[in-house]
C-alpha atoms as a PDB file:
ATOM      1  CA  MET A   1     -75.830 -48.163  26.974  1.00  0.00           C
ATOM      2  CA  LEU A   2     -75.862 -46.138  23.573  1.00  0.00           C
ATOM      3  CA  VAL A   3     -76.881 -42.615  23.774  1.00  0.00           C
ATOM      4  CA  LEU A   4     -77.647 -40.534  20.558  1.00  0.00           C
ATOM      5  CA  LEU A   5     -78.433 -36.838  20.634  1.00  0.00           C
ATOM      6  CA  ARG A   6     -79.483 -35.140  17.320  1.00  0.00           C
ATOM      7  CA  MET A   7     -80.045 -31.270  17.122  1.00  0.00           C
ATOM      8  CA  THR A   8     -80.916 -29.486  14.166  1.00  0.00           C
ATOM      9  CA  LEU A   9     -80.334 -25.789  13.860  1.00  0.00           C
ATOM     10  CA  GLY A  10     -81.962 -23.887  11.062  1.00  0.00           C
ATOM     11  CA  SER A  11     -80.863 -25.214   7.759  1.00  0.00           C
ATOM     12  CA  HIS A  12     -77.395 -26.463   9.067  1.00  0.00           C
ATOM     13  CA  ALA A  13     -76.628 -30.130   9.327  1.00  0.00           C
ATOM     14  CA  ALA A  14     -77.824 -32.018  12.276  1.00  0.00           C
ATOM     15  CA  CYS A  15     -75.195 -31.877  15.561  1.00  0.00           C
ATOM     16  CA  VAL A  16     -74.929 -35.612  16.170  1.00  0.00           C
ATOM     17  CA  VAL A  17     -73.531 -36.710  19.545  1.00  0.00           C
ATOM     18  CA  GLN A  18     -73.334 -40.284  20.027  1.00  0.00           C
ATOM     19  CA  GLN A  19     -71.841 -42.262  23.005  1.00  0.00           C
ATOM     20  CA  ALA A  20     -69.877 -45.101  21.819  1.00  0.00           C
ATOM     21  CA  ALA A  21     -68.438 -46.573  25.116  1.00  0.00           C
ATOM     22  CA  SER A  22     -67.995 -46.229  28.982  1.00  0.00           C
ATOM     23  CA  VAL A  23     -64.549 -47.068  30.255  1.00  0.00           C
ATOM     24  CA  PRO A  24     -63.510 -47.474  33.875  1.00  0.00           C
ATOM     25  CA  LEU A  25     -60.328 -45.342  34.846  1.00  0.00           C
ATOM     26  CA  ASP A  26     -57.840 -45.918  37.236  1.00  0.00           C
ATOM     27  CA  VAL A  27     -55.767 -43.293  38.730  1.00  0.00           C
ATOM     28  CA  THR A  28     -52.444 -44.445  40.700  1.00  0.00           C
ATOM     29  CA  GLY A  29     -49.160 -42.789  41.187  1.00  0.00           C
ATOM     30  CA  GLY A  30     -50.254 -39.772  39.132  1.00  0.00           C
ATOM     31  CA  VAL A  31     -51.209 -41.558  36.060  1.00  0.00           C
ATOM     32  CA  ILE A  32     -54.588 -42.114  34.433  1.00  0.00           C
ATOM     33  CA  THR A  33     -54.785 -45.850  33.101  1.00  0.00           C
ATOM     34  CA  VAL A  34     -57.481 -47.596  30.845  1.00  0.00           C
ATOM     35  CA  PRO A  35     -58.181 -51.261  29.925  1.00  0.00           C
ATOM     36  CA  LEU A  36     -57.520 -52.470  26.253  1.00  0.00           C
ATOM     37  CA  GLU A  37     -58.059 -55.581  24.735  1.00  0.00           C
ATOM     38  CA  ILE A  38     -55.289 -56.593  22.304  1.00  0.00           C
ATOM     39  CA  ASN A  39     -55.443 -59.898  20.322  1.00  0.00           C
ATOM     40  CA  GLY A  40     -57.958 -61.006  22.673  1.00  0.00           C
ATOM     41  CA  GLY A  41     -55.581 -60.328  25.692  1.00  0.00           C
ATOM     42  CA  ALA A  42     -56.175 -57.871  28.572  1.00  0.00           C
ATOM     43  CA  ALA A  43     -53.637 -54.847  28.747  1.00  0.00           C
ATOM     44  CA  THR A  44     -53.170 -51.446  30.693  1.00  0.00           C
ATOM     45  CA  PHE A  45     -52.351 -48.461  28.833  1.00  0.00           C
ATOM     46  CA  ILE A  46     -51.612 -44.898  30.088  1.00  0.00           C
ATOM     47  CA  LEU A  47     -54.246 -42.536  28.651  1.00  0.00           C
ATOM     48  CA  ASP A  48     -51.944 -39.823  27.072  1.00  0.00           C
ATOM     49  CA  THR A  49     -53.581 -37.056  25.033  1.00  0.00           C
ATOM     50  CA  GLY A  50     -49.803 -35.779  24.900  1.00  0.00           C
ATOM     51  CA  ALA A  51     -48.427 -38.659  22.820  1.00  0.00           C
ATOM     52  CA  GLN A  52     -49.075 -38.280  18.946  1.00  0.00           C
ATOM     53  CA  ARG A  53     -48.114 -42.050  18.695  1.00  0.00           C
ATOM     54  CA  SER A  54     -49.509 -44.857  20.728  1.00  0.00           C
ATOM     55  CA  VAL A  55     -46.733 -46.959  22.410  1.00  0.00           C
ATOM     56  CA  VAL A  56     -46.342 -50.536  23.552  1.00  0.00           C
ATOM     57  CA  THR A  57     -43.503 -52.169  25.611  1.00  0.00           C
ATOM     58  CA  GLN A  58     -41.407 -54.912  24.404  1.00  0.00           C
ATOM     59  CA  ASP A  59     -42.557 -56.981  27.472  1.00  0.00           C
ATOM     60  CA  ALA A  60     -46.098 -56.393  26.081  1.00  0.00           C
ATOM     61  CA  VAL A  61     -45.522 -57.390  22.513  1.00  0.00           C
ATOM     62  CA  ASP A  62     -43.998 -60.569  23.812  1.00  0.00           C
ATOM     63  CA  ARG A  63     -46.853 -61.401  26.357  1.00  0.00           C
ATOM     64  CA  LEU A  64     -49.609 -60.594  23.763  1.00  0.00           C
ATOM     65  CA  GLY A  65     -47.747 -62.406  20.830  1.00  0.00           C
ATOM     66  CA  LEU A  66     -47.916 -59.129  18.625  1.00  0.00           C
ATOM     67  CA  ALA A  67     -46.467 -59.303  15.314  1.00  0.00           C
ATOM     68  CA  ARG A  68     -43.660 -56.805  14.295  1.00  0.00           C
ATOM     69  CA  ASP A  69     -43.669 -54.824  11.160  1.00  0.00           C
ATOM     70  CA  LYS A  70     -40.637 -55.957   8.918  1.00  0.00           C
ATOM     71  CA  TRP A  71     -40.883 -52.972   6.816  1.00  0.00           C
ATOM     72  CA  VAL A  72     -42.163 -49.984   8.777  1.00  0.00           C
ATOM     73  CA  GLY A  73     -40.790 -48.380  12.123  1.00  0.00           C
ATOM     74  CA  THR A  74     -41.285 -45.095  14.012  1.00  0.00           C
ATOM     75  CA  THR A  75     -38.950 -42.780  15.357  1.00  0.00           C
ATOM     76  CA  MET A  76     -40.110 -40.808  18.360  1.00  0.00           C
ATOM     77  CA  SER A  77     -38.769 -38.222  20.662  1.00  0.00           C
ATOM     78  CA  GLY A  78     -39.872 -37.053  24.094  1.00  0.00           C
ATOM     79  CA  VAL A  79     -38.414 -35.956  27.484  1.00  0.00           C
ATOM     80  CA  GLY A  80     -36.390 -39.235  27.586  1.00  0.00           C
ATOM     81  CA  GLY A  81     -34.597 -39.048  24.178  1.00  0.00           C
ATOM     82  CA  ILE A  82     -35.034 -40.491  20.779  1.00  0.00           C
ATOM     83  CA  GLN A  83     -36.239 -44.064  19.862  1.00  0.00           C
ATOM     84  CA  SER A  84     -36.555 -45.851  16.476  1.00  0.00           C
ATOM     85  CA  ARG A  85     -37.874 -49.383  16.350  1.00  0.00           C
ATOM     86  CA  PRO A  86     -40.092 -51.480  13.900  1.00  0.00           C
ATOM     87  CA  ASN A  87     -43.903 -51.294  14.719  1.00  0.00           C
ATOM     88  CA  ALA A  88     -46.047 -53.770  16.422  1.00  0.00           C
ATOM     89  CA  ASP A  89     -49.252 -54.821  14.225  1.00  0.00           C
ATOM     90  CA  PRO A  90     -51.984 -56.241  16.609  1.00  0.00           C
ATOM     91  CA  ARG A  91     -54.652 -58.305  14.859  1.00  0.00           C
ATOM     92  CA  SER A  92     -57.088 -56.469  16.870  1.00  0.00           C
ATOM     93  CA  LEU A  93     -57.466 -53.481  19.541  1.00  0.00           C
ATOM     94  CA  SER A  94     -60.464 -52.399  21.516  1.00  0.00           C
ATOM     95  CA  LEU A  95     -61.265 -49.988  24.178  1.00  0.00           C
ATOM     96  CA  GLY A  96     -64.680 -50.524  26.090  1.00  0.00           C
ATOM     97  CA  GLY A  97     -65.758 -53.040  23.480  1.00  0.00           C
ATOM     98  CA  VAL A  98     -65.196 -50.272  20.575  1.00  0.00           C
ATOM     99  CA  PRO A  99     -62.640 -51.434  17.968  1.00  0.00           C
ATOM    100  CA  LEU A 100     -59.848 -48.927  17.546  1.00  0.00           C
ATOM    101  CA  VAL A 101     -58.184 -47.783  14.324  1.00  0.00           C
ATOM    102  CA  ARG A 102     -55.514 -44.910  13.936  1.00  0.00           C
ATOM    103  CA  ARG A 103     -56.536 -41.485  12.133  1.00  0.00           C
ATOM    104  CA  THR A 104     -54.817 -42.718   8.956  1.00  0.00           C
ATOM    105  CA  LEU A 105     -55.740 -43.501   5.403  1.00  0.00           C
ATOM    106  CA  THR A 106     -55.396 -47.277   5.788  1.00  0.00           C
ATOM    107  CA  HIS A 107     -57.175 -47.144   9.378  1.00  0.00           C
ATOM    108  CA  ASP A 108     -54.424 -49.430  10.634  1.00  0.00           C
ATOM    109  CA  THR A 109     -53.692 -50.679  14.434  1.00  0.00           C
ATOM    110  CA  SER A 110     -49.890 -50.498  14.316  1.00  0.00           C
ATOM    111  CA  LEU A 111     -48.404 -49.355  17.592  1.00  0.00           C
ATOM    112  CA  THR A 112     -44.782 -47.960  18.103  1.00  0.00           C
ATOM    113  CA  VAL A 113     -42.703 -50.015  20.309  1.00  0.00           C
ATOM    114  CA  GLY A 114     -40.668 -48.353  22.861  1.00  0.00           C
ATOM    115  CA  VAL A 115     -39.577 -47.703  26.484  1.00  0.00           C
ATOM    116  CA  ILE A 116     -42.304 -45.814  28.399  1.00  0.00           C
ATOM    117  CA  PRO A 117     -41.866 -43.582  31.568  1.00  0.00           C
ATOM    118  CA  ARG A 118     -43.707 -46.020  34.127  1.00  0.00           C
ATOM    119  CA  ALA A 119     -43.393 -49.746  34.130  1.00  0.00           C
ATOM    120  CA  ARG A 120     -45.791 -50.041  37.029  1.00  0.00           C
ATOM    121  CA  ALA A 121     -48.427 -47.864  38.573  1.00  0.00           C
ATOM    122  CA  GLY A 122     -49.562 -49.281  41.915  1.00  0.00           C
ATOM    123  CA  GLY A 123     -50.245 -52.951  41.433  1.00  0.00           C
ATOM    124  CA  LEU A 124     -50.607 -52.506  37.624  1.00  0.00           C
ATOM    125  CA  VAL A 125     -48.177 -53.358  34.999  1.00  0.00           C
ATOM    126  CA  ILE A 126     -48.185 -50.682  32.455  1.00  0.00           C
ATOM    127  CA  ASP A 127     -48.204 -52.260  28.889  1.00  0.00           C
ATOM    128  CA  GLY A 128     -48.293 -48.880  26.813  1.00  0.00           C
ATOM    129  CA  LEU A 129     -49.401 -45.351  25.918  1.00  0.00           C
ATOM    130  CA  LEU A 130     -52.913 -44.741  24.367  1.00  0.00           C
ATOM    131  CA  GLY A 131     -52.161 -41.642  22.263  1.00  0.00           C
ATOM    132  CA  ARG A 132     -53.942 -39.201  20.082  1.00  0.00           C
ATOM    133  CA  ASP A 133     -53.638 -41.355  16.833  1.00  0.00           C
ATOM    134  CA  PHE A 134     -56.452 -43.500  18.237  1.00  0.00           C
ATOM    135  CA  LEU A 135     -58.245 -41.246  20.679  1.00  0.00           C
ATOM    136  CA  SER A 136     -58.585 -38.244  18.297  1.00  0.00           C
ATOM    137  CA  LEU A 137     -61.302 -40.051  16.491  1.00  0.00           C
ATOM    138  CA  PHE A 138     -63.608 -39.442  19.474  1.00  0.00           C
ATOM    139  CA  ASP A 139     -64.714 -36.668  21.845  1.00  0.00           C
ATOM    140  CA  LEU A 140     -63.432 -37.711  25.371  1.00  0.00           C
ATOM    141  CA  ASP A 141     -65.767 -37.127  28.295  1.00  0.00           C
ATOM    142  CA  LEU A 142     -63.039 -37.559  31.013  1.00  0.00           C
ATOM    143  CA  ASP A 143     -64.311 -37.670  34.790  1.00  0.00           C
ATOM    144  CA  VAL A 144     -61.186 -38.244  36.750  1.00  0.00           C
ATOM    145  CA  PRO A 145     -62.963 -37.814  40.070  1.00  0.00           C
ATOM    146  CA  GLY A 146     -65.645 -40.129  38.983  1.00  0.00           C
ATOM    147  CA  ARG A 147     -63.263 -42.615  37.480  1.00  0.00           C
ATOM    148  CA  ARG A 148     -65.006 -42.923  34.276  1.00  0.00           C
ATOM    149  CA  LEU A 149     -64.107 -42.252  30.589  1.00  0.00           C
ATOM    150  CA  LEU A 150     -66.868 -41.803  27.840  1.00  0.00           C
ATOM    151  CA  LEU A 151     -66.037 -41.898  24.107  1.00  0.00           C
ATOM    152  CA  TYR A 152     -68.537 -39.839  21.995  1.00  0.00           C
ATOM    153  CA  ARG A 153     -68.716 -39.677  18.152  1.00  0.00           C
ATOM    154  CA  VAL A 154     -69.630 -36.054  17.361  1.00  0.00           C
ATOM    155  CA  SER A 155     -70.199 -34.682  14.017  1.00  0.00           C
ATOM    156  CA  GLY A 156     -71.849 -31.168  12.641  1.00  0.00           C
ATOM    157  CA  CYS A 157     -71.641 -29.422  16.236  1.00  0.00           C
ATOM    158  CA  SER A 158     -70.438 -26.202  17.421  1.00  0.00           C
ATOM    159  CA  GLY A 159     -70.871 -24.020  20.389  1.00  0.00           C
ATOM    160  CA  ARG A 160     -72.473 -25.573  23.410  1.00  0.00           C
ATOM    161  CA  PHE A 161     -73.586 -28.974  22.513  1.00  0.00           C
ATOM    162  CA  LEU A 162     -72.702 -31.165  25.350  1.00  0.00           C
ATOM    163  CA  PRO A 163     -75.270 -33.432  26.906  1.00  0.00           C
ATOM    164  CA  TRP A 164     -74.271 -32.334  30.592  1.00  0.00           C
ATOM    165  CA  THR A 165     -76.804 -31.095  32.913  1.00  0.00           C
ATOM    166  CA  GLY A 166     -74.580 -28.918  34.922  1.00  0.00           C
ATOM    167  CA  ASP A 167     -72.826 -25.563  34.016  1.00  0.00           C
ATOM    168  CA  TYR A 168     -69.384 -25.790  32.186  1.00  0.00           C
ATOM    169  CA  THR A 169     -66.794 -23.237  30.765  1.00  0.00           C
ATOM    170  CA  ALA A 170     -65.859 -24.007  27.121  1.00  0.00           C
ATOM    171  CA  ILE A 171     -62.131 -22.980  26.151  1.00  0.00           C
ATOM    172  CA  GLN A 172     -61.439 -22.801  22.339  1.00  0.00           C
ATOM    173  CA  VAL A 173     -58.102 -24.637  21.880  1.00  0.00           C
ATOM    174  CA  THR A 174     -55.994 -25.106  18.868  1.00  0.00           C
ATOM    175  CA  THR A 175     -54.769 -28.325  17.326  1.00  0.00           C
ATOM    176  CA  PRO A 176     -51.433 -28.180  15.686  1.00  0.00           C
ATOM    177  CA  ALA A 177     -49.131 -31.150  15.325  1.00  0.00           C
ATOM    178  CA  GLU A 178     -51.766 -34.156  14.520  1.00  0.00           C
ATOM    179  CA  THR A 179     -54.410 -33.066  16.864  1.00  0.00           C
ATOM    180  CA  ALA A 180     -52.228 -31.946  19.864  1.00  0.00           C
ATOM    181  CA  ILE A 181     -54.778 -30.153  22.255  1.00  0.00           C
ATOM    182  CA  VAL A 182     -53.127 -26.583  23.092  1.00  0.00           C
ATOM    183  CA  VAL A 183     -55.111 -24.654  25.595  1.00  0.00           C
ATOM    184  CA  PRO A 184     -54.458 -20.791  26.389  1.00  0.00           C
ATOM    185  CA  VAL A 185     -53.761 -20.426  29.906  1.00  0.00           C
ATOM    186  CA  SER A 186     -52.105 -17.707  32.243  1.00  0.00           C
ATOM    187  CA  LEU A 187     -49.336 -18.004  34.752  1.00  0.00           C
ATOM    188  CA  ASP A 188     -48.684 -15.215  36.973  1.00  0.00           C
ATOM    189  CA  GLY A 189     -50.702 -13.159  34.729  1.00  0.00           C
ATOM    190  CA  ARG A 190     -48.582 -14.040  31.535  1.00  0.00           C
ATOM    191  CA  PRO A 191     -50.598 -15.620  28.559  1.00  0.00           C
ATOM    192  CA  LEU A 192     -49.122 -19.058  27.799  1.00  0.00           C
ATOM    193  CA  ARG A 193     -49.829 -22.023  25.432  1.00  0.00           C
ATOM    194  CA  ALA A 194     -50.238 -25.445  27.398  1.00  0.00           C
ATOM    195  CA  LEU A 195     -50.172 -28.962  25.755  1.00  0.00           C
ATOM    196  CA  LEU A 196     -52.927 -30.759  27.561  1.00  0.00           C
ATOM    197  CA  ASP A 197     -51.316 -33.972  28.404  1.00  0.00           C
ATOM    198  CA  THR A 198     -53.109 -36.703  30.393  1.00  0.00           C
ATOM    199  CA  GLY A 199     -49.937 -38.857  30.185  1.00  0.00           C
ATOM    200  CA  ALA A 200     -48.090 -36.232  32.285  1.00  0.00           C
ATOM    201  CA  SER A 201     -48.516 -36.718  36.131  1.00  0.00           C
ATOM    202  CA  ALA A 202     -47.388 -33.227  36.761  1.00  0.00           C
ATOM    203  CA  SER A 203     -47.717 -29.924  34.884  1.00  0.00           C
ATOM    204  CA  LEU A 204     -44.275 -28.493  33.803  1.00  0.00           C
ATOM    205  CA  LEU A 205     -43.268 -25.080  32.406  1.00  0.00           C
ATOM    206  CA  ALA A 206     -40.783 -25.622  29.429  1.00  0.00           C
ATOM    207  CA  ALA A 207     -38.040 -23.557  27.810  1.00  0.00           C
ATOM    208  CA  PRO A 208     -40.347 -21.042  25.867  1.00  0.00           C
ATOM    209  CA  GLY A 209     -42.507 -20.435  29.021  1.00  0.00           C
ATOM    210  CA  ILE A 210     -39.509 -19.819  31.019  1.00  0.00           C
ATOM    211  CA  PHE A 211     -38.118 -17.211  28.773  1.00  0.00           C
ATOM    212  CA  LYS A 212     -41.654 -15.606  28.436  1.00  0.00           C
ATOM    213  CA  LEU A 213     -41.929 -15.318  32.399  1.00  0.00           C
ATOM    214  CA  GLY A 214     -38.204 -14.121  32.763  1.00  0.00           C
ATOM    215  CA  LEU A 215     -37.375 -16.879  34.997  1.00  0.00           C
ATOM    216  CA  THR A 216     -33.378 -17.236  35.564  1.00  0.00           C
ATOM    217  CA  ALA A 217     -31.378 -20.002  36.965  1.00  0.00           C
ATOM    218  CA  ALA A 218     -30.726 -18.011  40.316  1.00  0.00           C
ATOM    219  CA  ALA A 219     -34.570 -17.754  40.815  1.00  0.00           C
ATOM    220  CA  LEU A 220     -34.948 -21.666  40.644  1.00  0.00           C
ATOM    221  CA  GLU A 221     -31.580 -22.307  42.793  1.00  0.00           C
ATOM    222  CA  ALA A 222     -33.360 -22.546  46.230  1.00  0.00           C
ATOM    223  CA  ASP A 223     -36.406 -24.542  44.552  1.00  0.00           C
ATOM    224  CA  PRO A 224     -36.701 -28.318  45.413  1.00  0.00           C
ATOM    225  CA  ALA A 225     -35.150 -30.545  42.565  1.00  0.00           C
ATOM    226  CA  ASP A 226     -36.078 -34.046  41.379  1.00  0.00           C
ATOM    227  CA  THR A 227     -35.893 -36.179  38.192  1.00  0.00           C
ATOM    228  CA  ILE A 228     -38.727 -36.881  35.839  1.00  0.00           C
ATOM    229  CA  SER A 229     -38.788 -39.395  32.914  1.00  0.00           C
ATOM    230  CA  GLY A 230     -40.760 -39.517  29.523  1.00  0.00           C
ATOM    231  CA  LEU A 231     -40.705 -41.561  26.322  1.00  0.00           C
ATOM    232  CA  GLY A 232     -37.263 -42.895  26.100  1.00  0.00           C
ATOM    233  CA  PRO A 233     -34.517 -43.925  28.596  1.00  0.00           C
ATOM    234  CA  ARG A 234     -33.227 -40.816  29.844  1.00  0.00           C
ATOM    235  CA  THR A 235     -34.387 -38.898  32.877  1.00  0.00           C
ATOM    236  CA  VAL A 236     -34.401 -34.998  33.338  1.00  0.00           C
ATOM    237  CA  THR A 237     -33.617 -32.768  36.524  1.00  0.00           C
ATOM    238  CA  VAL A 238     -36.281 -30.428  37.219  1.00  0.00           C
ATOM    239  CA  HIS A 239     -37.289 -27.829  39.935  1.00  0.00           C
ATOM    240  CA  ARG A 240     -40.502 -27.292  41.528  1.00  0.00           C
ATOM    241  CA  HIS A 241     -41.359 -23.620  41.615  1.00  0.00           C
ATOM    242  CA  ARG A 242     -43.971 -21.625  43.555  1.00  0.00           C
ATOM    243  CA  PHE A 243     -45.966 -19.311  41.217  1.00  0.00           C
ATOM    244  CA  ARG A 244     -48.696 -16.673  42.197  1.00  0.00           C
ATOM    245  CA  THR A 245     -51.577 -18.009  39.792  1.00  0.00           C
ATOM    246  CA  LEU A 246     -52.496 -20.446  37.212  1.00  0.00           C
ATOM    247  CA  GLY A 247     -55.534 -19.591  35.068  1.00  0.00           C
ATOM    248  CA  VAL A 248     -57.354 -21.910  32.831  1.00  0.00           C
ATOM    249  CA  GLY A 249     -60.718 -20.467  31.450  1.00  0.00           C
ATOM    250  CA  ASN A 250     -62.592 -19.268  34.546  1.00  0.00           C
ATOM    251  CA  ASP A 251     -60.564 -21.367  36.962  1.00  0.00           C
ATOM    252  CA  VAL A 252     -57.697 -19.594  38.951  1.00  0.00           C
ATOM    253  CA  ILE A 253     -55.379 -21.641  41.119  1.00  0.00           C
ATOM    254  CA  GLU A 254     -53.628 -19.629  43.881  1.00  0.00           C
ATOM    255  CA  SER A 255     -49.999 -20.488  44.496  1.00  0.00           C
ATOM    256  CA  PRO A 256     -49.623 -23.414  42.316  1.00  0.00           C
ATOM    257  CA  SER A 257     -46.350 -25.306  42.455  1.00  0.00           C
ATOM    258  CA  ILE A 258     -45.030 -26.298  39.023  1.00  0.00           C
ATOM    259  CA  TRP A 259     -41.857 -28.208  37.867  1.00  0.00           C
ATOM    260  CA  VAL A 260     -39.718 -26.006  35.590  1.00  0.00           C
ATOM    261  CA  GLU A 261     -36.945 -27.191  33.087  1.00  0.00           C
ATOM    262  CA  PRO A 262     -35.648 -25.600  29.992  1.00  0.00           C
ATOM    263  CA  ILE A 263     -36.696 -28.534  27.754  1.00  0.00           C
ATOM    264  CA  ARG A 264     -38.279 -28.245  24.353  1.00  0.00           C
ATOM    265  CA  LEU A 265     -41.519 -29.950  23.743  1.00  0.00           C
ATOM    266  CA  THR A 266     -43.145 -31.220  20.533  1.00  0.00           C
ATOM    267  CA  PRO A 267     -45.300 -29.399  19.439  1.00  0.00           C
ATOM    268  CA  ILE A 268     -43.670 -26.152  20.429  1.00  0.00           C
ATOM    269  CA  VAL A 269     -45.707 -25.115  23.704  1.00  0.00           C
ATOM    270  CA  ASP A 270     -44.854 -23.051  26.825  1.00  0.00           C
ATOM    271  CA  MET A 271     -45.826 -25.774  29.221  1.00  0.00           C
ATOM    272  CA  LEU A 272     -47.647 -29.336  29.995  1.00  0.00           C
ATOM    273  CA  LEU A 273     -50.965 -29.195  31.782  1.00  0.00           C
ATOM    274  CA  GLY A 274     -50.809 -32.550  33.448  1.00  0.00           C
ATOM    275  CA  VAL A 275     -52.891 -34.869  35.717  1.00  0.00           C
ATOM    276  CA  ASP A 276     -52.329 -32.790  38.989  1.00  0.00           C
ATOM    277  CA  TRP A 277     -54.487 -30.019  37.205  1.00  0.00           C
ATOM    278  CA  LEU A 278     -57.049 -32.889  35.996  1.00  0.00           C
ATOM    279  CA  ALA A 279     -57.394 -34.780  39.157  1.00  0.00           C
ATOM    280  CA  GLY A 280     -60.233 -32.970  40.450  1.00  0.00           C
ATOM    281  CA  ARG A 281     -61.857 -32.060  37.519  1.00  0.00           C
ATOM    282  CA  HIS A 282     -64.446 -33.389  34.960  1.00  0.00           C
ATOM    283  CA  VAL A 283     -63.648 -32.200  31.487  1.00  0.00           C
ATOM    284  CA  TRP A 284     -64.866 -32.783  27.858  1.00  0.00           C
ATOM    285  CA  ILE A 285     -62.075 -32.736  25.396  1.00  0.00           C
ATOM    286  CA  SER A 286     -63.408 -32.396  21.879  1.00  0.00           C
ATOM    287  CA  PHE A 287     -61.384 -33.048  19.054  1.00  0.00           C
ATOM    288  CA  ALA A 288     -64.317 -32.503  16.578  1.00  0.00           C
ATOM    289  CA  THR A 289     -64.895 -29.032  17.530  1.00  0.00           C
ATOM    290  CA  ARG A 290     -61.606 -28.157  19.152  1.00  0.00           C
ATOM    291  CA  GLN A 291     -62.884 -27.126  22.578  1.00  0.00           C
ATOM    292  CA  LEU A 292     -61.931 -28.062  26.178  1.00  0.00           C
ATOM    293  CA  CYS A 293     -64.950 -27.959  28.320  1.00  0.00           C
ATOM    294  CA  VAL A 294     -64.622 -27.642  32.154  1.00  0.00           C
ATOM    295  CA  ALA A 295     -67.517 -28.615  34.344  1.00  0.00           C
ATOM    296  CA  ARG A 296     -67.989 -26.179  37.327  1.00  0.00           C
END
């Protein structure tokens, strides 16, 4: 069903909020997945606002019969290391029946071929990561508890324009480094910058945030340790530390347990805000107006 709202304020251009698609979500093992259609075949991708470039696995390239670009490749860096491979060039790519193109001058559909953190999530084979190069052309109405993603085309809007009936908190965000959504948060009362990363199963405090909070290696010694993986083949050892509070807008979480590791992220931020924070929330990610709206 297509929903189109037009609101005109004085002499300003009309605010247009047009629903483009409704997409079912699956949330398994701490990852949010969406169904894509690539070259007419079904694929499962992780919804990943933390990824600047969308990624497809080599297995999916073979299964879906994706052509490789002989001239153009992509070098990507992440928690798991640095990769450089020739791109894949699908003939077609769609989400919820809506054709997808990248935010480039040529509006291409190219995908980086690489190793991703998860090969499976529950019973699903993961074929890739759907990143900001495709997602940022839309506003995302992301209802994780309701297992639904709505794509909207938004133009000429500002302020409180959402077609929601309930109340919500609007947080102004910054969008450095190719539309990355960087949210102002506070951790133990210290203001930090967090990358909203729907591809990260857990929130993580990185090197700049560790420095700002004055955390030392001795303070982390007694914390539980584990390994995590990101884009690339390597894993990283992290510690789970208990903080007093995490504040995002008007929402304050008491005694949050967050992974800590002195890694450096791109863009340079203090921490990742992951699926553990999103799990019980309905949010609107507005690339068009640079806002994160959180339903109360």
